[in-house]
């Protein structure tokens, strides 16, 4: 990894399916009004941190909620959204047949698949969904592909963002899956260290 490289890793704002407690995976769901405000607050703090947006490369998941969040970020920080690169390796982890369902609906229909799992690893038992190792492979490939880029802003998702940070720091599966994930927090990845920034409090910007 380039020693001078800085990556700011963001998550999309709250969505309609988030509010309903339904797992999205690769489904699309628009941001709620709260979600829009979360992204705007993140963007205001990011703007202070990056100084000149023209010096940065912006890469986003192509899923709709990520694109909507990226558009908001671009507007706030003054970034030309036509220059944003879409990369499918940043998409959320696919939960296969469980997409759009609640935990209760999943437990009722697939009780055996939910046995011996916890709040963090059950996603990877989904019929037709991705395995943890396959997600590690795709985000590892993505990290390798940007190793020569010095300044990168990234829009991804909750679970994928955890795994990106886990791969970046060489964490185990169990360590990676319990990492903080919040829609008003984003992360700076640099020199194998990770720093978090919370935009919830106005005094930060």
N, C-alpha and C. Protein backbone atom coordinates (compact mmCIF):
# COMPACT_ATOMS: atom_id res chain seq x y z
N UNK A 1 0.84 -1.19 0.00
CA UNK A 1 0.00 0.00 0.00
C UNK A 1 0.88 1.25 0.00
N UNK A 2 0.53 2.23 -0.81
CA UNK A 2 1.27 3.48 -0.88
C UNK A 2 1.24 4.16 0.49
N UNK A 3 2.41 4.45 1.05
CA UNK A 3 2.48 5.00 2.40
C UNK A 3 1.76 6.33 2.53
N UNK A 4 1.71 7.11 1.45
CA UNK A 4 1.09 8.43 1.50
C UNK A 4 -0.40 8.38 1.16
N UNK A 5 -0.89 7.22 0.87
CA UNK A 5 -2.28 7.12 0.44
C UNK A 5 -3.25 7.44 1.58
N UNK A 6 -4.30 8.18 1.24
CA UNK A 6 -5.39 8.45 2.17
C UNK A 6 -6.70 8.05 1.50
N UNK A 7 -7.47 7.23 2.21
CA UNK A 7 -8.79 6.82 1.73
C UNK A 7 -9.83 7.28 2.75
N UNK A 8 -10.83 8.01 2.29
CA UNK A 8 -11.99 8.31 3.15
C UNK A 8 -13.12 7.38 2.73
N UNK A 9 -13.54 6.54 3.67
CA UNK A 9 -14.55 5.52 3.40
C UNK A 9 -15.87 5.92 4.04
N UNK A 10 -16.89 6.11 3.20
CA UNK A 10 -18.20 6.53 3.68
C UNK A 10 -19.26 5.47 3.41
N UNK A 11 -20.35 5.56 4.17
CA UNK A 11 -21.51 4.71 3.96
C UNK A 11 -22.69 5.59 3.53
N UNK A 12 -23.56 5.05 2.70
CA UNK A 12 -24.77 5.78 2.30
C UNK A 12 -25.62 6.12 3.52
N UNK A 13 -26.54 7.06 3.36
CA UNK A 13 -27.44 7.44 4.43
C UNK A 13 -28.56 6.42 4.64
N UNK A 14 -29.32 6.64 5.71
CA UNK A 14 -30.45 5.76 6.04
C UNK A 14 -31.44 5.68 4.87
N UNK A 15 -31.94 4.47 4.63
CA UNK A 15 -32.89 4.26 3.53
C UNK A 15 -34.25 3.83 4.04
N UNK A 16 -35.21 3.81 3.13
CA UNK A 16 -36.58 3.39 3.48
C UNK A 16 -36.58 1.95 4.00
N UNK A 17 -35.81 1.07 3.38
CA UNK A 17 -35.76 -0.32 3.83
C UNK A 17 -35.04 -0.45 5.17
N UNK A 18 -34.05 0.41 5.42
CA UNK A 18 -33.41 0.42 6.75
C UNK A 18 -34.44 0.65 7.83
N UNK A 19 -35.30 1.63 7.61
CA UNK A 19 -36.31 2.00 8.60
C UNK A 19 -37.29 0.85 8.84
N UNK A 20 -37.59 0.10 7.79
CA UNK A 20 -38.54 -1.01 7.90
C UNK A 20 -37.90 -2.28 8.45
N UNK A 21 -36.58 -2.24 8.69
CA UNK A 21 -35.89 -3.41 9.21
C UNK A 21 -35.73 -4.52 8.19
N UNK A 22 -35.73 -4.15 6.92
CA UNK A 22 -35.59 -5.13 5.84
C UNK A 22 -34.18 -5.08 5.27
N UNK A 23 -33.60 -6.25 5.06
CA UNK A 23 -32.22 -6.33 4.59
C UNK A 23 -32.16 -6.09 3.09
N UNK A 24 -31.29 -5.19 2.69
CA UNK A 24 -31.27 -4.74 1.30
C UNK A 24 -30.37 -5.57 0.39
N UNK A 25 -29.16 -5.84 0.86
CA UNK A 25 -28.22 -6.49 -0.05
C UNK A 25 -28.05 -5.64 -1.29
N UNK A 26 -28.38 -6.23 -2.44
CA UNK A 26 -28.22 -5.51 -3.70
C UNK A 26 -29.53 -4.87 -4.17
N UNK A 27 -30.57 -4.91 -3.35
CA UNK A 27 -31.81 -4.22 -3.71
C UNK A 27 -31.60 -2.71 -3.66
N UNK A 28 -32.55 -1.98 -4.24
CA UNK A 28 -32.49 -0.54 -4.20
C UNK A 28 -33.52 0.03 -3.26
N UNK A 29 -33.16 1.10 -2.59
CA UNK A 29 -34.07 1.77 -1.66
C UNK A 29 -33.61 3.21 -1.53
N UNK A 30 -34.53 4.15 -1.66
CA UNK A 30 -34.16 5.56 -1.60
C UNK A 30 -33.84 6.00 -0.18
N UNK A 31 -33.10 7.09 -0.07
CA UNK A 31 -32.77 7.63 1.24
C UNK A 31 -34.00 8.26 1.89
N UNK A 32 -34.08 8.16 3.20
CA UNK A 32 -35.11 8.88 3.96
C UNK A 32 -34.64 10.33 4.11
N UNK A 33 -35.52 11.19 4.63
CA UNK A 33 -35.11 12.58 4.88
C UNK A 33 -33.98 12.62 5.90
N UNK A 34 -34.04 11.73 6.91
CA UNK A 34 -32.95 11.65 7.88
C UNK A 34 -31.67 11.19 7.19
N UNK A 35 -31.80 10.25 6.26
CA UNK A 35 -30.64 9.76 5.52
C UNK A 35 -29.96 10.85 4.72
N UNK A 36 -30.77 11.70 4.09
CA UNK A 36 -30.22 12.83 3.33
C UNK A 36 -29.44 13.76 4.26
N UNK A 37 -29.99 14.03 5.44
CA UNK A 37 -29.32 14.91 6.41
C UNK A 37 -28.02 14.29 6.92
N UNK A 38 -28.03 12.97 7.13
CA UNK A 38 -26.81 12.29 7.56
C UNK A 38 -25.69 12.49 6.54
N UNK A 39 -26.04 12.30 5.27
CA UNK A 39 -25.03 12.43 4.22
C UNK A 39 -24.54 13.87 4.12
N UNK A 40 -25.45 14.83 4.25
CA UNK A 40 -25.05 16.24 4.19
C UNK A 40 -24.08 16.59 5.31
N UNK A 41 -24.36 16.09 6.52
CA UNK A 41 -23.47 16.35 7.65
C UNK A 41 -22.10 15.71 7.43
N UNK A 42 -22.10 14.46 6.93
CA UNK A 42 -20.83 13.81 6.61
C UNK A 42 -20.06 14.63 5.58
N UNK A 43 -20.78 15.13 4.58
CA UNK A 43 -20.15 15.88 3.50
C UNK A 43 -19.53 17.17 4.01
N UNK A 44 -20.21 17.86 4.93
CA UNK A 44 -19.67 19.11 5.47
C UNK A 44 -18.37 18.87 6.24
N UNK A 45 -18.34 17.78 6.99
CA UNK A 45 -17.11 17.45 7.72
C UNK A 45 -16.02 17.00 6.76
N UNK A 46 -16.38 16.20 5.77
CA UNK A 46 -15.41 15.75 4.77
C UNK A 46 -14.79 16.93 4.03
N UNK A 47 -15.62 17.91 3.72
CA UNK A 47 -15.14 19.10 2.99
C UNK A 47 -14.01 19.79 3.74
N UNK A 48 -14.12 19.86 5.06
CA UNK A 48 -13.08 20.47 5.88
C UNK A 48 -11.79 19.64 5.83
N UNK A 49 -11.96 18.32 5.82
CA UNK A 49 -10.81 17.42 5.90
C UNK A 49 -10.01 17.32 4.61
N UNK A 50 -10.69 17.42 3.46
CA UNK A 50 -9.99 17.15 2.19
C UNK A 50 -9.39 18.39 1.55
N UNK A 51 -9.80 19.56 1.98
CA UNK A 51 -9.29 20.82 1.43
C UNK A 51 -9.73 21.01 -0.02
N UNK A 52 -8.92 20.60 -0.98
CA UNK A 52 -9.24 20.82 -2.39
C UNK A 52 -9.82 19.56 -3.02
N UNK A 53 -11.13 19.53 -3.34
CA UNK A 53 -11.74 18.30 -3.86
C UNK A 53 -11.18 17.87 -5.21
N UNK A 54 -10.63 18.79 -5.96
CA UNK A 54 -10.10 18.44 -7.29
C UNK A 54 -8.87 17.55 -7.21
N UNK A 55 -8.28 17.47 -6.02
CA UNK A 55 -7.09 16.61 -5.86
C UNK A 55 -7.46 15.16 -5.56
N UNK A 56 -8.75 14.89 -5.44
CA UNK A 56 -9.20 13.58 -5.01
C UNK A 56 -9.89 12.80 -6.12
N UNK A 57 -9.80 11.49 -6.02
CA UNK A 57 -10.56 10.61 -6.90
C UNK A 57 -11.74 10.05 -6.09
N UNK A 58 -12.92 10.05 -6.68
CA UNK A 58 -14.13 9.62 -5.98
C UNK A 58 -14.62 8.33 -6.64
N UNK A 59 -14.74 7.27 -5.84
CA UNK A 59 -15.19 5.97 -6.35
C UNK A 59 -16.42 5.54 -5.55
N UNK A 60 -17.46 5.07 -6.23
CA UNK A 60 -18.71 4.74 -5.56
C UNK A 60 -19.24 3.38 -5.97
N UNK A 61 -19.94 2.75 -5.04
CA UNK A 61 -20.77 1.61 -5.38
C UNK A 61 -21.82 2.08 -6.38
N UNK A 62 -22.19 1.23 -7.34
CA UNK A 62 -23.20 1.63 -8.32
C UNK A 62 -24.65 1.49 -7.83
N UNK A 63 -24.86 0.94 -6.64
CA UNK A 63 -26.23 0.77 -6.15
C UNK A 63 -26.87 2.14 -5.90
N UNK A 64 -28.18 2.21 -6.10
CA UNK A 64 -28.89 3.48 -6.08
C UNK A 64 -28.70 4.31 -4.83
N UNK A 65 -28.76 3.68 -3.65
CA UNK A 65 -28.63 4.43 -2.40
C UNK A 65 -27.23 5.02 -2.26
N UNK A 66 -26.24 4.32 -2.79
CA UNK A 66 -24.87 4.85 -2.77
C UNK A 66 -24.73 6.00 -3.76
N UNK A 67 -25.32 5.84 -4.95
CA UNK A 67 -25.26 6.91 -5.95
C UNK A 67 -25.96 8.18 -5.46
N UNK A 68 -27.13 8.00 -4.81
CA UNK A 68 -27.85 9.16 -4.27
C UNK A 68 -27.00 9.87 -3.22
N UNK A 69 -26.35 9.10 -2.36
CA UNK A 69 -25.47 9.68 -1.34
C UNK A 69 -24.27 10.36 -1.97
N UNK A 70 -23.70 9.74 -2.99
CA UNK A 70 -22.55 10.32 -3.69
C UNK A 70 -22.91 11.66 -4.32
N UNK A 71 -24.09 11.74 -4.92
CA UNK A 71 -24.52 13.01 -5.54
C UNK A 71 -24.60 14.12 -4.50
N UNK A 72 -25.10 13.78 -3.30
CA UNK A 72 -25.19 14.78 -2.23
C UNK A 72 -23.80 15.22 -1.79
N UNK A 73 -22.89 14.25 -1.61
CA UNK A 73 -21.51 14.57 -1.23
C UNK A 73 -20.89 15.51 -2.26
N UNK A 74 -21.04 15.17 -3.53
CA UNK A 74 -20.44 15.97 -4.60
C UNK A 74 -20.95 17.41 -4.56
N UNK A 75 -22.25 17.56 -4.35
CA UNK A 75 -22.84 18.91 -4.31
C UNK A 75 -22.26 19.73 -3.16
N UNK A 76 -22.13 19.11 -2.00
CA UNK A 76 -21.66 19.83 -0.81
C UNK A 76 -20.17 20.18 -0.90
N UNK A 77 -19.35 19.23 -1.36
CA UNK A 77 -17.90 19.48 -1.36
C UNK A 77 -17.42 20.17 -2.64
N UNK A 78 -18.31 20.29 -3.64
CA UNK A 78 -17.93 20.93 -4.88
C UNK A 78 -17.15 20.02 -5.81
N UNK A 79 -17.60 18.76 -5.90
CA UNK A 79 -16.92 17.79 -6.76
C UNK A 79 -17.77 17.54 -8.00
N UNK A 80 -17.14 17.46 -9.14
CA UNK A 80 -17.83 17.20 -10.41
C UNK A 80 -18.31 15.75 -10.44
N UNK A 81 -19.62 15.54 -10.29
CA UNK A 81 -20.11 14.17 -10.17
C UNK A 81 -19.94 13.34 -11.45
N UNK A 82 -19.69 14.02 -12.56
CA UNK A 82 -19.45 13.27 -13.80
C UNK A 82 -18.10 12.56 -13.76
N UNK A 83 -17.25 12.93 -12.81
CA UNK A 83 -15.93 12.31 -12.68
C UNK A 83 -15.91 11.15 -11.68
N UNK A 84 -17.05 10.91 -11.02
CA UNK A 84 -17.12 9.80 -10.07
C UNK A 84 -17.03 8.47 -10.82
N UNK A 85 -16.23 7.56 -10.32
CA UNK A 85 -16.06 6.23 -10.92
C UNK A 85 -16.95 5.24 -10.18
N UNK A 86 -17.76 4.48 -10.91
CA UNK A 86 -18.60 3.45 -10.30
C UNK A 86 -17.85 2.12 -10.35
N UNK A 87 -17.79 1.45 -9.23
CA UNK A 87 -17.07 0.17 -9.16
C UNK A 87 -17.94 -0.86 -8.44
N UNK A 88 -18.34 -1.90 -9.14
CA UNK A 88 -19.26 -2.89 -8.57
C UNK A 88 -18.65 -3.67 -7.41
N UNK A 89 -17.33 -3.61 -7.26
CA UNK A 89 -16.68 -4.30 -6.14
C UNK A 89 -16.99 -3.63 -4.81
N UNK A 90 -17.56 -2.43 -4.85
CA UNK A 90 -17.93 -1.71 -3.63
C UNK A 90 -19.39 -1.94 -3.25
N UNK A 91 -20.11 -2.75 -4.02
CA UNK A 91 -21.52 -3.02 -3.72
C UNK A 91 -21.69 -3.69 -2.36
N UNK A 92 -22.91 -3.62 -1.82
CA UNK A 92 -23.18 -4.29 -0.57
C UNK A 92 -23.14 -5.80 -0.77
N UNK A 93 -22.88 -6.51 0.31
CA UNK A 93 -22.86 -7.97 0.29
C UNK A 93 -24.24 -8.48 -0.14
N UNK A 94 -24.26 -9.38 -1.08
CA UNK A 94 -25.53 -9.96 -1.54
C UNK A 94 -26.04 -10.94 -0.50
N UNK A 95 -27.33 -10.80 -0.14
CA UNK A 95 -27.94 -11.75 0.79
C UNK A 95 -28.92 -12.68 0.06
N UNK A 96 -28.75 -12.79 -1.25
CA UNK A 96 -29.51 -13.77 -2.02
C UNK A 96 -31.01 -13.69 -1.81
N UNK A 97 -31.62 -14.82 -1.46
CA UNK A 97 -33.07 -14.90 -1.30
C UNK A 97 -33.57 -14.13 -0.07
N UNK A 98 -32.67 -13.69 0.77
CA UNK A 98 -33.08 -12.96 1.97
C UNK A 98 -33.25 -11.47 1.73
N UNK A 99 -32.92 -10.99 0.55
CA UNK A 99 -33.04 -9.57 0.24
C UNK A 99 -34.49 -9.13 0.38
N UNK A 100 -34.70 -8.04 1.09
CA UNK A 100 -36.03 -7.48 1.27
C UNK A 100 -36.80 -8.05 2.44
N UNK A 101 -36.22 -9.02 3.15
CA UNK A 101 -36.92 -9.67 4.25
C UNK A 101 -36.44 -9.12 5.61
N UNK A 102 -37.27 -9.34 6.64
CA UNK A 102 -36.88 -8.99 8.00
C UNK A 102 -36.23 -10.21 8.65
N UNK A 103 -35.56 -9.99 9.77
CA UNK A 103 -34.95 -11.10 10.50
C UNK A 103 -36.01 -12.14 10.87
N UNK A 104 -37.17 -11.70 11.32
CA UNK A 104 -38.23 -12.61 11.72
C UNK A 104 -38.69 -13.47 10.54
N UNK A 105 -38.85 -12.87 9.38
CA UNK A 105 -39.27 -13.62 8.20
C UNK A 105 -38.22 -14.66 7.80
N UNK A 106 -36.95 -14.28 7.94
CA UNK A 106 -35.87 -15.21 7.61
C UNK A 106 -35.85 -16.38 8.59
N UNK A 107 -35.98 -16.07 9.87
CA UNK A 107 -35.96 -17.12 10.90
C UNK A 107 -37.12 -18.10 10.73
N UNK A 108 -38.26 -17.59 10.31
CA UNK A 108 -39.44 -18.45 10.13
C UNK A 108 -39.30 -19.38 8.92
N UNK A 109 -38.69 -18.90 7.87
CA UNK A 109 -38.58 -19.69 6.64
C UNK A 109 -37.32 -20.53 6.54
N UNK A 110 -36.24 -20.12 7.21
CA UNK A 110 -34.97 -20.85 7.12
C UNK A 110 -34.39 -21.06 8.53
N UNK A 111 -35.12 -21.68 9.43
CA UNK A 111 -34.64 -21.82 10.81
C UNK A 111 -33.31 -22.57 10.92
N UNK A 112 -33.10 -23.58 10.08
CA UNK A 112 -31.85 -24.34 10.17
C UNK A 112 -30.64 -23.51 9.78
N UNK A 113 -30.82 -22.60 8.81
CA UNK A 113 -29.70 -21.79 8.35
C UNK A 113 -29.32 -20.72 9.37
N UNK A 114 -30.23 -20.42 10.29
CA UNK A 114 -29.96 -19.39 11.30
C UNK A 114 -29.36 -19.97 12.57
N UNK A 115 -29.35 -21.31 12.67
CA UNK A 115 -28.78 -21.94 13.87
C UNK A 115 -27.27 -21.73 13.93
N UNK A 116 -26.78 -21.57 15.14
CA UNK A 116 -25.33 -21.43 15.38
C UNK A 116 -24.72 -20.21 14.67
N UNK A 117 -25.55 -19.17 14.45
CA UNK A 117 -25.03 -17.92 13.90
C UNK A 117 -25.19 -16.84 14.97
N UNK A 118 -24.59 -15.68 14.71
CA UNK A 118 -24.77 -14.55 15.62
C UNK A 118 -25.21 -13.33 14.84
N UNK A 119 -25.31 -12.20 15.52
CA UNK A 119 -25.81 -10.98 14.89
C UNK A 119 -24.92 -10.46 13.77
N UNK A 120 -23.72 -11.00 13.67
CA UNK A 120 -22.76 -10.47 12.71
C UNK A 120 -22.48 -11.38 11.52
N UNK A 121 -22.60 -12.69 11.70
CA UNK A 121 -22.17 -13.58 10.61
C UNK A 121 -23.30 -14.29 9.88
N UNK A 122 -24.55 -14.10 10.31
CA UNK A 122 -25.65 -14.87 9.74
C UNK A 122 -25.90 -14.56 8.26
N UNK A 123 -25.53 -13.36 7.84
CA UNK A 123 -25.73 -12.95 6.44
C UNK A 123 -25.17 -13.97 5.45
N UNK A 124 -24.06 -14.57 5.84
CA UNK A 124 -23.32 -15.41 4.90
C UNK A 124 -23.90 -16.82 4.77
N UNK A 125 -25.03 -17.08 5.42
CA UNK A 125 -25.74 -18.35 5.24
C UNK A 125 -26.88 -18.22 4.25
N UNK A 126 -27.06 -17.07 3.67
CA UNK A 126 -28.22 -16.82 2.80
C UNK A 126 -28.16 -17.65 1.52
N UNK A 127 -29.29 -18.26 1.12
CA UNK A 127 -29.34 -19.03 -0.12
C UNK A 127 -29.09 -18.12 -1.32
N UNK A 128 -28.08 -18.41 -2.09
CA UNK A 128 -27.77 -17.62 -3.28
C UNK A 128 -27.00 -16.35 -2.98
N UNK A 129 -26.63 -16.14 -1.72
CA UNK A 129 -25.88 -14.95 -1.34
C UNK A 129 -24.38 -15.16 -1.43
N UNK A 130 -23.63 -14.14 -1.07
CA UNK A 130 -22.18 -14.21 -1.12
C UNK A 130 -21.59 -14.82 0.15
N UNK A 131 -20.47 -15.48 0.00
CA UNK A 131 -19.73 -15.96 1.16
C UNK A 131 -18.79 -14.86 1.64
N UNK A 132 -18.37 -14.97 2.88
CA UNK A 132 -17.41 -13.99 3.42
C UNK A 132 -16.14 -13.98 2.57
N UNK A 133 -15.64 -15.14 2.23
CA UNK A 133 -14.38 -15.23 1.48
C UNK A 133 -14.50 -14.57 0.10
N UNK A 134 -15.68 -14.70 -0.53
CA UNK A 134 -15.84 -14.09 -1.85
C UNK A 134 -15.86 -12.57 -1.76
N UNK A 135 -16.43 -12.05 -0.67
CA UNK A 135 -16.43 -10.59 -0.47
C UNK A 135 -15.01 -10.11 -0.17
N UNK A 136 -14.29 -10.86 0.65
CA UNK A 136 -12.89 -10.52 0.92
C UNK A 136 -12.10 -10.48 -0.38
N UNK A 137 -12.35 -11.42 -1.26
CA UNK A 137 -11.63 -11.47 -2.53
C UNK A 137 -11.91 -10.23 -3.38
N UNK A 138 -13.19 -9.83 -3.45
CA UNK A 138 -13.50 -8.68 -4.32
C UNK A 138 -13.01 -7.36 -3.73
N UNK A 139 -13.10 -7.20 -2.40
CA UNK A 139 -12.62 -5.93 -1.84
C UNK A 139 -11.09 -5.89 -1.79
N UNK A 140 -10.46 -7.05 -1.66
CA UNK A 140 -8.99 -7.11 -1.73
C UNK A 140 -8.52 -6.70 -3.11
N UNK A 141 -9.23 -7.19 -4.13
CA UNK A 141 -8.90 -6.81 -5.50
C UNK A 141 -9.07 -5.32 -5.73
N UNK A 142 -10.13 -4.77 -5.14
CA UNK A 142 -10.36 -3.34 -5.28
C UNK A 142 -9.26 -2.53 -4.59
N UNK A 143 -8.92 -2.91 -3.36
CA UNK A 143 -7.85 -2.20 -2.65
C UNK A 143 -6.53 -2.26 -3.42
N UNK A 144 -6.25 -3.41 -3.99
CA UNK A 144 -5.02 -3.55 -4.79
C UNK A 144 -5.06 -2.63 -6.01
N UNK A 145 -6.24 -2.50 -6.62
CA UNK A 145 -6.36 -1.71 -7.84
C UNK A 145 -6.17 -0.21 -7.61
N UNK A 146 -6.32 0.24 -6.36
CA UNK A 146 -6.16 1.68 -6.09
C UNK A 146 -4.88 1.99 -5.32
N UNK A 147 -3.99 1.02 -5.20
CA UNK A 147 -2.82 1.19 -4.34
C UNK A 147 -1.90 2.33 -4.78
N UNK A 148 -1.98 2.73 -6.03
CA UNK A 148 -1.13 3.81 -6.51
C UNK A 148 -1.84 5.16 -6.55
N UNK A 149 -3.04 5.21 -6.06
CA UNK A 149 -3.79 6.47 -5.99
C UNK A 149 -3.60 7.07 -4.60
N UNK A 150 -3.23 8.34 -4.55
CA UNK A 150 -2.87 8.94 -3.26
C UNK A 150 -4.07 9.41 -2.45
N UNK A 151 -5.10 9.95 -3.12
CA UNK A 151 -6.23 10.54 -2.41
C UNK A 151 -7.54 10.01 -2.98
N UNK A 152 -8.25 9.23 -2.17
CA UNK A 152 -9.45 8.54 -2.67
C UNK A 152 -10.61 8.72 -1.70
N UNK A 153 -11.75 9.13 -2.23
CA UNK A 153 -13.01 9.16 -1.47
C UNK A 153 -13.85 7.99 -1.95
N UNK A 154 -14.42 7.24 -1.02
CA UNK A 154 -15.14 6.01 -1.37
C UNK A 154 -16.54 6.02 -0.75
N UNK A 155 -17.54 5.69 -1.56
CA UNK A 155 -18.90 5.51 -1.06
C UNK A 155 -19.28 4.04 -1.17
N UNK A 156 -19.49 3.41 -0.01
CA UNK A 156 -19.84 2.00 -0.02
C UNK A 156 -21.02 1.75 0.92
N UNK A 157 -21.00 0.62 1.62
CA UNK A 157 -22.14 0.16 2.40
C UNK A 157 -21.68 -0.33 3.77
N UNK A 158 -22.64 -0.67 4.63
CA UNK A 158 -22.33 -1.06 5.99
C UNK A 158 -21.47 -2.29 6.12
N UNK A 159 -21.97 -3.42 5.63
CA UNK A 159 -21.25 -4.68 5.77
C UNK A 159 -19.99 -4.70 4.90
N UNK A 160 -20.10 -4.23 3.67
CA UNK A 160 -18.93 -4.18 2.79
C UNK A 160 -17.86 -3.26 3.38
N UNK A 161 -18.30 -2.15 3.98
CA UNK A 161 -17.35 -1.23 4.60
C UNK A 161 -16.59 -1.86 5.75
N UNK A 162 -17.28 -2.69 6.53
CA UNK A 162 -16.60 -3.43 7.60
C UNK A 162 -15.51 -4.32 7.02
N UNK A 163 -15.84 -5.03 5.96
CA UNK A 163 -14.90 -5.99 5.39
C UNK A 163 -13.72 -5.27 4.72
N UNK A 164 -13.99 -4.13 4.10
CA UNK A 164 -12.89 -3.33 3.53
C UNK A 164 -11.90 -2.95 4.63
N UNK A 165 -12.42 -2.48 5.77
CA UNK A 165 -11.53 -2.09 6.87
C UNK A 165 -10.83 -3.31 7.46
N UNK A 166 -11.53 -4.43 7.51
CA UNK A 166 -10.91 -5.64 8.01
C UNK A 166 -9.75 -6.11 7.14
N UNK A 167 -9.96 -6.10 5.83
CA UNK A 167 -8.91 -6.49 4.90
C UNK A 167 -7.74 -5.50 4.99
N UNK A 168 -8.07 -4.23 5.07
CA UNK A 168 -7.03 -3.18 5.12
C UNK A 168 -6.09 -3.38 6.29
N UNK A 169 -6.65 -3.80 7.44
CA UNK A 169 -5.82 -3.97 8.64
C UNK A 169 -5.46 -5.42 8.93
N UNK A 170 -5.83 -6.34 8.04
CA UNK A 170 -5.47 -7.74 8.23
C UNK A 170 -6.18 -8.39 9.40
N UNK A 171 -7.45 -8.02 9.62
CA UNK A 171 -8.20 -8.58 10.74
C UNK A 171 -8.80 -9.94 10.39
N UNK A 172 -9.14 -10.71 11.42
CA UNK A 172 -9.85 -11.97 11.20
C UNK A 172 -11.31 -11.66 10.87
N UNK A 173 -12.02 -12.67 10.41
CA UNK A 173 -13.45 -12.51 10.10
C UNK A 173 -14.22 -12.01 11.31
N UNK A 174 -14.01 -12.64 12.46
CA UNK A 174 -14.74 -12.26 13.67
C UNK A 174 -14.42 -10.82 14.08
N UNK A 175 -13.19 -10.41 13.90
CA UNK A 175 -12.80 -9.04 14.25
C UNK A 175 -13.43 -8.03 13.29
N UNK A 176 -13.43 -8.36 12.02
CA UNK A 176 -13.94 -7.43 11.00
C UNK A 176 -15.45 -7.21 11.13
N UNK A 177 -16.18 -8.29 11.41
CA UNK A 177 -17.64 -8.20 11.39
C UNK A 177 -18.24 -7.46 12.58
N UNK A 178 -17.44 -7.18 13.60
CA UNK A 178 -17.96 -6.41 14.74
C UNK A 178 -17.48 -4.96 14.73
N UNK A 179 -16.83 -4.55 13.65
CA UNK A 179 -16.37 -3.17 13.55
C UNK A 179 -17.55 -2.21 13.55
N UNK A 180 -17.30 -1.01 14.02
CA UNK A 180 -18.34 0.03 14.08
C UNK A 180 -18.93 0.29 12.70
N UNK A 181 -20.23 0.42 12.66
CA UNK A 181 -20.89 0.80 11.41
C UNK A 181 -22.03 1.75 11.75
N UNK A 182 -21.96 2.95 11.22
CA UNK A 182 -22.95 3.98 11.52
C UNK A 182 -23.09 4.88 10.31
N UNK A 183 -24.27 5.43 10.14
CA UNK A 183 -24.47 6.30 8.97
C UNK A 183 -24.08 7.75 9.23
N UNK A 184 -23.65 8.07 10.45
CA UNK A 184 -23.12 9.41 10.69
C UNK A 184 -21.63 9.37 11.05
N UNK A 185 -21.00 8.26 10.69
CA UNK A 185 -19.56 8.10 10.92
C UNK A 185 -18.88 7.64 9.63
N UNK A 186 -17.74 8.21 9.34
CA UNK A 186 -16.94 7.69 8.21
C UNK A 186 -15.50 7.55 8.66
N UNK A 187 -14.67 6.97 7.80
CA UNK A 187 -13.36 6.52 8.24
C UNK A 187 -12.24 6.99 7.31
N UNK A 188 -11.09 7.28 7.93
CA UNK A 188 -9.88 7.61 7.19
C UNK A 188 -8.94 6.42 7.30
N UNK A 189 -8.55 5.87 6.15
CA UNK A 189 -7.62 4.76 6.09
C UNK A 189 -6.30 5.28 5.55
N UNK A 190 -5.25 5.18 6.34
CA UNK A 190 -3.95 5.67 5.90
C UNK A 190 -2.84 4.97 6.67
N UNK A 191 -1.85 4.47 5.94
CA UNK A 191 -0.68 3.83 6.54
C UNK A 191 -1.07 2.71 7.50
N UNK A 192 -2.07 1.92 7.09
CA UNK A 192 -2.57 0.77 7.85
C UNK A 192 -3.29 1.15 9.14
N UNK A 193 -3.51 2.43 9.35
CA UNK A 193 -4.26 2.90 10.51
C UNK A 193 -5.64 3.38 10.07
N UNK A 194 -6.61 3.30 10.98
CA UNK A 194 -7.97 3.74 10.67
C UNK A 194 -8.44 4.71 11.74
N UNK A 195 -8.93 5.85 11.28
CA UNK A 195 -9.45 6.88 12.18
C UNK A 195 -10.91 7.13 11.83
N UNK A 196 -11.74 7.28 12.84
CA UNK A 196 -13.18 7.52 12.57
C UNK A 196 -13.53 8.98 12.81
N UNK A 197 -14.52 9.46 12.05
CA UNK A 197 -15.01 10.82 12.17
C UNK A 197 -16.53 10.77 12.30
N UNK A 198 -17.06 11.36 13.35
CA UNK A 198 -18.50 11.39 13.57
C UNK A 198 -19.02 12.78 13.26
N UNK A 199 -20.00 12.87 12.36
CA UNK A 199 -20.54 14.16 11.94
C UNK A 199 -21.81 14.52 12.69
N UNK A 200 -22.12 13.76 13.73
CA UNK A 200 -23.38 13.97 14.45
C UNK A 200 -23.42 15.30 15.19
N UNK A 201 -22.24 15.80 15.56
CA UNK A 201 -22.19 17.00 16.39
C UNK A 201 -21.75 18.21 15.58
N UNK A 202 -22.56 19.25 15.59
CA UNK A 202 -22.34 20.42 14.73
C UNK A 202 -20.99 21.07 14.95
N UNK A 203 -20.44 21.00 16.17
CA UNK A 203 -19.20 21.71 16.44
C UNK A 203 -18.01 21.16 15.66
N UNK A 204 -18.17 19.98 15.05
CA UNK A 204 -17.07 19.43 14.25
C UNK A 204 -16.88 20.22 12.95
N UNK A 205 -17.88 20.96 12.58
CA UNK A 205 -17.74 21.76 11.36
C UNK A 205 -18.51 23.05 11.53
